[in-house]
């Protein structure tokens, strides 16, 4: 479960960066919303899976509520999931 969460967290982080630095500029600077629709949908699904898996991994790693909130907050901060992976998951899988 932890290894799957690591993979999802990396994918979720990459999808957030793609939205911020690729699809949003394409949408608003070049009037090309298609990329945002595709990447946005993928990011939405990955975000939901990330949240559910974080809740499931909480009990497996004996996280307290504060740690869970930090892990969840990392999903909305650019590069946050990469930091979270290093801080809370490295060496656990």
Protein backbone atom coordinates (compact mmCIF):
# COMPACT_ATOMS: atom_id res chain seq x y z
CA UNK A 1 0.00 0.00 0.00
CA UNK A 2 2.82 2.41 0.84
CA UNK A 3 4.59 1.82 -2.49
CA UNK A 4 1.31 2.46 -4.35
CA UNK A 5 0.86 5.68 -2.36
CA UNK A 6 4.37 6.77 -3.30
CA UNK A 7 3.59 6.26 -6.98
CA UNK A 8 0.27 8.12 -6.71
CA UNK A 9 1.90 10.98 -4.82
CA UNK A 10 4.54 11.42 -7.52
CA UNK A 11 1.93 11.27 -10.28
CA UNK A 12 -0.29 13.75 -8.45
CA UNK A 13 2.63 16.12 -7.97
CA UNK A 14 3.60 15.91 -11.63
CA UNK A 15 0.00 16.50 -12.72
CA UNK A 16 -0.22 19.62 -10.53
CA UNK A 17 3.00 20.97 -12.04
CA UNK A 18 1.72 20.23 -15.55
CA UNK A 19 -1.43 22.18 -14.80
CA UNK A 20 0.44 25.14 -13.36
CA UNK A 21 3.26 25.38 -15.86
CA UNK A 22 1.88 23.87 -19.09
CA UNK A 23 -1.88 23.70 -19.40
CA UNK A 24 -2.81 26.94 -17.63
CA UNK A 25 -0.39 29.06 -19.70
CA UNK A 26 -1.67 27.34 -22.84
CA UNK A 27 -5.25 28.07 -21.83
CA UNK A 28 -4.88 31.69 -20.81
CA UNK A 29 -1.97 32.93 -22.91
CA UNK A 30 -2.60 31.04 -26.15
CA UNK A 31 -6.35 30.33 -25.93
CA UNK A 32 -5.83 26.56 -26.08
CA UNK A 33 -8.04 25.00 -23.37
CA UNK A 34 -7.81 21.41 -24.63
CA UNK A 35 -4.70 20.49 -22.64
CA UNK A 36 -6.25 21.86 -19.47
CA UNK A 37 -9.31 19.68 -19.92
CA UNK A 38 -7.28 16.48 -20.26
CA UNK A 39 -4.64 17.22 -17.64
CA UNK A 40 -7.25 18.71 -15.30
CA UNK A 41 -9.35 15.54 -15.39
CA UNK A 42 -6.30 13.35 -14.77
CA UNK A 43 -5.20 15.60 -11.92
CA UNK A 44 -8.67 15.52 -10.35
CA UNK A 45 -8.74 11.74 -10.34
CA UNK A 46 -5.17 11.51 -9.01
CA UNK A 47 -6.00 14.04 -6.28
CA UNK A 48 -8.99 12.01 -5.09
CA UNK A 49 -6.98 8.79 -5.11
CA UNK A 50 -4.18 10.58 -3.21
CA UNK A 51 -6.57 11.72 -0.47
CA UNK A 52 -8.15 8.28 -0.06
CA UNK A 53 -4.77 6.54 -0.03
CA UNK A 54 -3.35 9.03 2.48
CA UNK A 55 -6.22 8.21 4.83
CA UNK A 56 -5.60 4.47 4.37
CA UNK A 57 -1.83 4.78 4.83
CA UNK A 58 -2.35 6.86 8.00
CA UNK A 59 -3.19 3.78 10.05
CA UNK A 60 -0.49 1.66 8.42
CA UNK A 61 2.24 4.16 9.35
CA UNK A 62 0.66 5.21 12.66
CA UNK A 63 0.43 8.88 11.67
CA UNK A 64 -1.33 11.22 14.03
CA UNK A 65 -3.99 13.64 12.78
CA UNK A 66 -1.49 16.49 12.41
CA UNK A 67 0.75 14.41 10.16
CA UNK A 68 -2.24 13.41 8.05
CA UNK A 69 -3.20 17.08 7.64
CA UNK A 70 0.36 17.93 6.57
CA UNK A 71 0.37 15.08 4.04
CA UNK A 72 -2.99 16.23 2.67
CA UNK A 73 -1.85 19.87 2.50
CA UNK A 74 1.18 18.79 0.49
CA UNK A 75 -1.13 17.78 -2.33
CA UNK A 76 -2.13 21.39 -3.00
CA UNK A 77 1.34 22.93 -2.74
CA UNK A 78 3.57 22.80 -5.84
CA UNK A 79 6.39 20.29 -5.21
CA UNK A 80 4.70 19.40 -1.90
CA UNK A 81 4.13 15.74 -2.72
CA UNK A 82 7.82 15.30 -3.55
CA UNK A 83 8.81 16.74 -0.17
CA UNK A 84 6.17 14.63 1.57
CA UNK A 85 7.48 11.49 -0.11
CA UNK A 86 11.01 12.19 1.11
CA UNK A 87 9.95 13.23 4.62
CA UNK A 88 7.23 10.67 5.43
CA UNK A 89 7.56 7.72 3.05
CA UNK A 90 11.23 7.12 2.19
CA UNK A 91 12.42 3.83 3.58
CA UNK A 92 8.91 2.75 4.60
CA UNK A 93 7.95 0.72 1.51
